[in-house]
């Protein structure tokens, strides 16, 4: 895989008896693991930011939906419709 894909490869194997076997291409194992942690952390941060953004969009959508409903009611009243539900001060 390393030669065919020109990739750094790290393999960690634990035997049933608990023996540890490891293999790393040109780089050392600790450098590959450190790189993995950096990329893994960055990906998790990106996913977290995306889900946070989605939550904000949902909240903003609900607020805009409520504003549209209020505007539609006001528009009806301005057009002289549905006036029975208004009190004297609202009229």
C-alpha atoms as a PDB file:
ATOM      1  CA  UNK A   1       0.000   0.000   0.000  1.00  0.00           C
ATOM      2  CA  UNK A   2       2.798   2.370   0.882  1.00  0.00           C
ATOM      3  CA  UNK A   3       4.567   1.893  -2.457  1.00  0.00           C
ATOM      4  CA  UNK A   4       1.446   1.758  -4.630  1.00  0.00           C
ATOM      5  CA  UNK A   5      -0.226   4.815  -3.076  1.00  0.00           C
ATOM      6  CA  UNK A   6       2.875   6.707  -1.979  1.00  0.00           C
ATOM      7  CA  UNK A   7       1.384   6.845   1.508  1.00  0.00           C
ATOM      8  CA  UNK A   8       2.659   6.650   5.038  1.00  0.00           C
ATOM      9  CA  UNK A   9       1.378   3.488   6.695  1.00  0.00           C
ATOM     10  CA  UNK A  10       1.278   2.487  10.337  1.00  0.00           C
ATOM     11  CA  UNK A  11       0.037  -0.867  11.571  1.00  0.00           C
ATOM     12  CA  UNK A  12      -0.460  -1.858  15.190  1.00  0.00           C
ATOM     13  CA  UNK A  13      -1.343  -5.450  16.038  1.00  0.00           C
ATOM     14  CA  UNK A  14      -2.034  -7.045  19.420  1.00  0.00           C
ATOM     15  CA  UNK A  15      -1.835 -10.819  19.545  1.00  0.00           C
ATOM     16  CA  UNK A  16      -4.346 -12.838  21.593  1.00  0.00           C
ATOM     17  CA  UNK A  17      -1.609 -13.243  24.214  1.00  0.00           C
ATOM     18  CA  UNK A  18      -1.114  -9.488  24.464  1.00  0.00           C
ATOM     19  CA  UNK A  19       2.071  -9.125  22.414  1.00  0.00           C
ATOM     20  CA  UNK A  20       2.425  -5.884  20.516  1.00  0.00           C
ATOM     21  CA  UNK A  21       3.601  -5.766  16.920  1.00  0.00           C
ATOM     22  CA  UNK A  22       3.953  -2.533  15.027  1.00  0.00           C
ATOM     23  CA  UNK A  23       5.096  -1.472  11.608  1.00  0.00           C
ATOM     24  CA  UNK A  24       5.592   2.017  10.197  1.00  0.00           C
ATOM     25  CA  UNK A  25       6.850   3.052   6.777  1.00  0.00           C
ATOM     26  CA  UNK A  26       9.713   5.517   6.328  1.00  0.00           C
ATOM     27  CA  UNK A  27       8.530   7.697   9.218  1.00  0.00           C
ATOM     28  CA  UNK A  28       8.557   6.730  12.847  1.00  0.00           C
ATOM     29  CA  UNK A  29       5.354   5.427  14.447  1.00  0.00           C
ATOM     30  CA  UNK A  30       5.102   8.357  16.870  1.00  0.00           C
ATOM     31  CA  UNK A  31       5.201  10.909  14.024  1.00  0.00           C
ATOM     32  CA  UNK A  32       2.435   9.078  12.149  1.00  0.00           C
ATOM     33  CA  UNK A  33       0.289   8.862  15.298  1.00  0.00           C
ATOM     34  CA  UNK A  34       0.898  12.540  16.047  1.00  0.00           C
ATOM     35  CA  UNK A  35      -0.199  13.436  12.519  1.00  0.00           C
ATOM     36  CA  UNK A  36      -3.289  11.237  12.917  1.00  0.00           C
ATOM     37  CA  UNK A  37      -4.240  13.017  16.157  1.00  0.00           C
ATOM     38  CA  UNK A  38      -3.862  16.454  14.521  1.00  0.00           C
ATOM     39  CA  UNK A  39      -6.072  15.520  11.569  1.00  0.00           C
ATOM     40  CA  UNK A  40      -8.571  13.692  13.760  1.00  0.00           C
ATOM     41  CA  UNK A  41      -8.883  16.705  16.093  1.00  0.00           C
ATOM     42  CA  UNK A  42      -9.294  19.121  13.154  1.00  0.00           C
ATOM     43  CA  UNK A  43     -12.024  16.952  11.618  1.00  0.00           C
ATOM     44  CA  UNK A  44     -13.917  16.720  14.918  1.00  0.00           C
ATOM     45  CA  UNK A  45     -13.708  20.495  15.341  1.00  0.00           C
ATOM     46  CA  UNK A  46     -15.051  21.000  11.817  1.00  0.00           C
ATOM     47  CA  UNK A  47     -17.970  18.614  12.378  1.00  0.00           C
ATOM     48  CA  UNK A  48     -18.756  20.322  15.675  1.00  0.00           C
ATOM     49  CA  UNK A  49     -18.746  23.745  14.006  1.00  0.00           C
ATOM     50  CA  UNK A  50     -21.046  22.480  11.230  1.00  0.00           C
ATOM     51  CA  UNK A  51     -23.592  21.025  13.652  1.00  0.00           C
ATOM     52  CA  UNK A  52     -23.496  24.229  15.706  1.00  0.00           C
ATOM     53  CA  UNK A  53     -24.152  26.215  12.541  1.00  0.00           C
ATOM     54  CA  UNK A  54     -27.116  23.965  11.671  1.00  0.00           C
ATOM     55  CA  UNK A  55     -28.582  24.603  15.117  1.00  0.00           C
ATOM     56  CA  UNK A  56     -28.283  28.352  14.559  1.00  0.00           C
ATOM     57  CA  UNK A  57     -30.007  28.057  11.170  1.00  0.00           C
ATOM     58  CA  UNK A  58     -32.903  26.126  12.716  1.00  0.00           C
ATOM     59  CA  UNK A  59     -33.329  28.744  15.427  1.00  0.00           C
ATOM     60  CA  UNK A  60     -33.166  31.589  12.898  1.00  0.00           C
ATOM     61  CA  UNK A  61     -35.682  29.788  10.668  1.00  0.00           C
ATOM     62  CA  UNK A  62     -38.194  29.555  13.533  1.00  0.00           C
ATOM     63  CA  UNK A  63     -37.744  33.250  14.323  1.00  0.00           C
ATOM     64  CA  UNK A  64     -38.252  34.271  10.697  1.00  0.00           C
ATOM     65  CA  UNK A  65     -41.291  32.032  10.411  1.00  0.00           C
ATOM     66  CA  UNK A  66     -42.850  33.770  13.436  1.00  0.00           C
ATOM     67  CA  UNK A  67     -42.093  37.203  11.962  1.00  0.00           C
ATOM     68  CA  UNK A  68     -43.703  36.225   8.649  1.00  0.00           C
ATOM     69  CA  UNK A  69     -46.826  35.067  10.481  1.00  0.00           C
ATOM     70  CA  UNK A  70     -47.020  38.380  12.368  1.00  0.00           C
ATOM     71  CA  UNK A  71     -46.570  40.383   9.160  1.00  0.00           C
ATOM     72  CA  UNK A  72     -49.267  38.367   7.423  1.00  0.00           C
ATOM     73  CA  UNK A  73     -51.697  39.068  10.282  1.00  0.00           C
ATOM     74  CA  UNK A  74     -50.876  42.785  10.196  1.00  0.00           C
ATOM     75  CA  UNK A  75     -51.337  42.822   6.422  1.00  0.00           C
ATOM     76  CA  UNK A  76     -54.813  41.262   6.771  1.00  0.00           C
ATOM     77  CA  UNK A  77     -55.755  43.912   9.328  1.00  0.00           C
ATOM     78  CA  UNK A  78     -54.455  46.709   7.107  1.00  0.00           C
ATOM     79  CA  UNK A  79     -56.555  45.356   4.254  1.00  0.00           C
ATOM     80  CA  UNK A  80     -59.643  45.476   6.504  1.00  0.00           C
ATOM     81  CA  UNK A  81     -59.867  41.718   7.011  1.00  0.00           C
ATOM     82  CA  UNK A  82     -60.241  39.781  10.266  1.00  0.00           C
ATOM     83  CA  UNK A  83     -60.945  42.909  12.340  1.00  0.00           C
ATOM     84  CA  UNK A  84     -63.308  41.148  14.768  1.00  0.00           C
ATOM     85  CA  UNK A  85     -60.414  39.783  16.811  1.00  0.00           C
ATOM     86  CA  UNK A  86     -58.923  43.267  17.457  1.00  0.00           C
ATOM     87  CA  UNK A  87     -59.772  45.391  20.479  1.00  0.00           C
ATOM     88  CA  UNK A  88     -60.361  49.140  20.354  1.00  0.00           C
ATOM     89  CA  UNK A  89     -56.748  50.107  21.015  1.00  0.00           C
ATOM     90  CA  UNK A  90     -55.447  47.699  18.333  1.00  0.00           C
ATOM     91  CA  UNK A  91     -57.902  49.146  15.825  1.00  0.00           C
END
